[in-house]
C-alpha atoms as a PDB file:
ATOM      1  CA  UNK A   1      -0.101  -0.316  -0.321  1.00  0.00           C
ATOM      2  CA  UNK A   2       1.444   3.125  -0.851  1.00  0.00           C
ATOM      3  CA  UNK A   3      -0.303   6.111   1.537  1.00  0.00           C
ATOM      4  CA  UNK A   4       1.494   9.247  -0.170  1.00  0.00           C
ATOM      5  CA  UNK A   5       0.153   8.657  -3.678  1.00  0.00           C
ATOM      6  CA  UNK A   6      -3.419   8.616  -2.289  1.00  0.00           C
ATOM      7  CA  UNK A   7      -3.228  11.692  -0.598  1.00  0.00           C
ATOM      8  CA  UNK A   8      -3.950  14.958  -2.468  1.00  0.00           C
ATOM      9  CA  UNK A   9      -1.785  17.551  -1.181  1.00  0.00           C
ATOM     10  CA  UNK A  10      -1.592  21.158  -2.526  1.00  0.00           C
ATOM     11  CA  UNK A  11       1.837  23.092  -2.015  1.00  0.00           C
ATOM     12  CA  UNK A  12       1.525  26.664  -3.000  1.00  0.00           C
ATOM     13  CA  UNK A  13       5.284  27.603  -3.824  1.00  0.00           C
ATOM     14  CA  UNK A  14       4.117  30.896  -5.602  1.00  0.00           C
ATOM     15  CA  UNK A  15       5.108  33.395  -2.858  1.00  0.00           C
ATOM     16  CA  UNK A  16       8.810  31.950  -2.882  1.00  0.00           C
ATOM     17  CA  UNK A  17       9.239  31.074  -6.465  1.00  0.00           C
ATOM     18  CA  UNK A  18       7.842  34.886  -7.239  1.00  0.00           C
ATOM     19  CA  UNK A  19      10.121  36.435  -4.746  1.00  0.00           C
ATOM     20  CA  UNK A  20      13.390  35.048  -6.581  1.00  0.00           C
ATOM     21  CA  UNK A  21      11.941  35.860  -9.847  1.00  0.00           C
ATOM     22  CA  UNK A  22      11.351  39.456  -8.766  1.00  0.00           C
ATOM     23  CA  UNK A  23      14.777  39.507  -7.176  1.00  0.00           C
ATOM     24  CA  UNK A  24      16.275  38.438 -10.514  1.00  0.00           C
ATOM     25  CA  UNK A  25      14.208  40.615 -13.058  1.00  0.00           C
ATOM     26  CA  UNK A  26      14.841  43.369 -10.779  1.00  0.00           C
ATOM     27  CA  UNK A  27      18.255  43.135 -10.732  1.00  0.00           C
ATOM     28  CA  UNK A  28      18.668  42.488 -14.933  1.00  0.00           C
ATOM     29  CA  UNK A  29      18.391  46.450 -14.795  1.00  0.00           C
ATOM     30  CA  UNK A  30      21.364  46.760 -12.564  1.00  0.00           C
ATOM     31  CA  UNK A  31      24.641  49.356 -13.708  1.00  0.00           C
ATOM     32  CA  UNK A  32      22.441  50.992 -16.411  1.00  0.00           C
ATOM     33  CA  UNK A  33      21.485  54.148 -14.445  1.00  0.00           C
ATOM     34  CA  UNK A  34      24.390  54.998 -11.971  1.00  0.00           C
ATOM     35  CA  UNK A  35      25.112  58.747 -11.486  1.00  0.00           C
ATOM     36  CA  UNK A  36      27.737  60.229  -9.989  1.00  0.00           C
ATOM     37  CA  UNK A  37      26.514  60.852  -6.927  1.00  0.00           C
ATOM     38  CA  UNK A  38      25.903  57.101  -6.269  1.00  0.00           C
ATOM     39  CA  UNK A  39      28.242  55.514  -3.713  1.00  0.00           C
ATOM     40  CA  UNK A  40      28.990  52.849  -6.294  1.00  0.00           C
ATOM     41  CA  UNK A  41      30.058  54.995  -9.130  1.00  0.00           C
ATOM     42  CA  UNK A  42      33.724  53.533 -10.307  1.00  0.00           C
ATOM     43  CA  UNK A  43      33.272  50.459  -8.738  1.00  0.00           C
ATOM     44  CA  UNK A  44      31.814  46.998 -10.112  1.00  0.00           C
ATOM     45  CA  UNK A  45      28.309  45.822  -8.751  1.00  0.00           C
ATOM     46  CA  UNK A  46      28.536  42.871  -6.881  1.00  0.00           C
ATOM     47  CA  UNK A  47      26.512  40.256  -8.716  1.00  0.00           C
ATOM     48  CA  UNK A  48      25.775  42.508 -11.458  1.00  0.00           C
ATOM     49  CA  UNK A  49      25.732  40.369 -14.646  1.00  0.00           C
ATOM     50  CA  UNK A  50      24.672  43.079 -16.882  1.00  0.00           C
ATOM     51  CA  UNK A  51      26.551  46.054 -15.899  1.00  0.00           C
ATOM     52  CA  UNK A  52      25.644  48.262 -19.177  1.00  0.00           C
ATOM     53  CA  UNK A  53      26.847  45.335 -21.518  1.00  0.00           C
ATOM     54  CA  UNK A  54      23.096  44.049 -22.524  1.00  0.00           C
ATOM     55  CA  UNK A  55      19.628  44.569 -22.269  1.00  0.00           C
ATOM     56  CA  UNK A  56      17.552  44.188 -18.988  1.00  0.00           C
ATOM     57  CA  UNK A  57      15.217  40.862 -19.054  1.00  0.00           C
ATOM     58  CA  UNK A  58      11.851  42.736 -18.884  1.00  0.00           C
ATOM     59  CA  UNK A  59      10.618  46.336 -19.571  1.00  0.00           C
ATOM     60  CA  UNK A  60       8.972  48.781 -17.046  1.00  0.00           C
ATOM     61  CA  UNK A  61       5.597  47.676 -17.823  1.00  0.00           C
ATOM     62  CA  UNK A  62       6.365  44.116 -17.978  1.00  0.00           C
ATOM     63  CA  UNK A  63       8.276  44.983 -14.323  1.00  0.00           C
ATOM     64  CA  UNK A  64       5.065  46.554 -13.172  1.00  0.00           C
ATOM     65  CA  UNK A  65       2.750  43.565 -14.079  1.00  0.00           C
ATOM     66  CA  UNK A  66       5.200  41.460 -12.372  1.00  0.00           C
ATOM     67  CA  UNK A  67       4.591  43.297  -8.964  1.00  0.00           C
ATOM     68  CA  UNK A  68       0.985  43.847  -9.300  1.00  0.00           C
ATOM     69  CA  UNK A  69       0.879  39.759 -10.062  1.00  0.00           C
ATOM     70  CA  UNK A  70       2.830  39.026  -7.246  1.00  0.00           C
ATOM     71  CA  UNK A  71       0.845  40.557  -4.836  1.00  0.00           C
ATOM     72  CA  UNK A  72      -2.490  38.974  -5.816  1.00  0.00           C
ATOM     73  CA  UNK A  73      -0.396  35.381  -5.558  1.00  0.00           C
ATOM     74  CA  UNK A  74      -2.155  34.570  -2.291  1.00  0.00           C
ATOM     75  CA  UNK A  75      -5.597  35.021  -3.942  1.00  0.00           C
ATOM     76  CA  UNK A  76      -7.629  31.580  -4.693  1.00  0.00           C
ATOM     77  CA  UNK A  77      -8.619  32.922  -7.907  1.00  0.00           C
ATOM     78  CA  UNK A  78      -8.537  36.131 -10.078  1.00  0.00           C
ATOM     79  CA  UNK A  79     -12.254  37.183  -9.184  1.00  0.00           C
ATOM     80  CA  UNK A  80     -11.910  36.738  -5.492  1.00  0.00           C
ATOM     81  CA  UNK A  81     -11.804  40.319  -3.686  1.00  0.00           C
ATOM     82  CA  UNK A  82     -10.170  38.822  -0.538  1.00  0.00           C
ATOM     83  CA  UNK A  83      -6.547  38.078  -0.323  1.00  0.00           C
ATOM     84  CA  UNK A  84      -5.669  35.529   2.595  1.00  0.00           C
ATOM     85  CA  UNK A  85      -2.283  36.601   3.699  1.00  0.00           C
ATOM     86  CA  UNK A  86      -1.760  40.233   2.376  1.00  0.00           C
ATOM     87  CA  UNK A  87       1.442  41.517   1.356  1.00  0.00           C
ATOM     88  CA  UNK A  88       2.685  44.022   3.905  1.00  0.00           C
ATOM     89  CA  UNK A  89       5.907  44.983   3.003  1.00  0.00           C
ATOM     90  CA  UNK A  90       8.190  44.221  -0.049  1.00  0.00           C
ATOM     91  CA  UNK A  91      12.035  44.782  -0.541  1.00  0.00           C
ATOM     92  CA  UNK A  92      13.962  43.706  -3.682  1.00  0.00           C
ATOM     93  CA  UNK A  93      16.417  44.735  -5.940  1.00  0.00           C
ATOM     94  CA  UNK A  94      14.063  47.652  -8.121  1.00  0.00           C
ATOM     95  CA  UNK A  95      13.927  47.581 -11.733  1.00  0.00           C
ATOM     96  CA  UNK A  96      12.944  51.159 -12.355  1.00  0.00           C
ATOM     97  CA  UNK A  97      15.888  52.161 -10.239  1.00  0.00           C
ATOM     98  CA  UNK A  98      18.765  50.854 -12.104  1.00  0.00           C
ATOM     99  CA  UNK A  99      18.373  47.336  -9.931  1.00  0.00           C
ATOM    100  CA  UNK A 100      18.840  48.854  -6.407  1.00  0.00           C
ATOM    101  CA  UNK A 101      17.657  47.342  -3.457  1.00  0.00           C
ATOM    102  CA  UNK A 102      14.704  49.216  -1.991  1.00  0.00           C
ATOM    103  CA  UNK A 103      11.339  49.060  -0.545  1.00  0.00           C
ATOM    104  CA  UNK A 104       8.712  48.743  -3.247  1.00  0.00           C
ATOM    105  CA  UNK A 105       6.194  51.566  -1.806  1.00  0.00           C
ATOM    106  CA  UNK A 106       3.875  51.228  -4.579  1.00  0.00           C
ATOM    107  CA  UNK A 107       2.167  49.247  -7.309  1.00  0.00           C
ATOM    108  CA  UNK A 108      -0.178  50.093  -9.893  1.00  0.00           C
ATOM    109  CA  UNK A 109      -3.380  48.220 -10.538  1.00  0.00           C
ATOM    110  CA  UNK A 110      -3.816  47.020 -14.654  1.00  0.00           C
END
């Protein structure tokens, strides 16, 4: 008898996978918008694969959609208004600010 095959267990890893995805996609824009006042100016960005050599992995609109979808990932379906575990805080590399690690304070609705 195989009891583990008969159990129907649903594991939702969207919170963990989504956060990892936001980190790397947000970081894909690193090194492209450093200004002279930046403390990193003149130094190599640690962990920056692009460093101004290639295009970012997503557009600004795509980044905003990824953020919006991540905040809605706890919904059981798209039509639900209730979010069982609402997002309280999000700190990831911000694509819109050159991949700098910062708090995301506003997410636009579609």
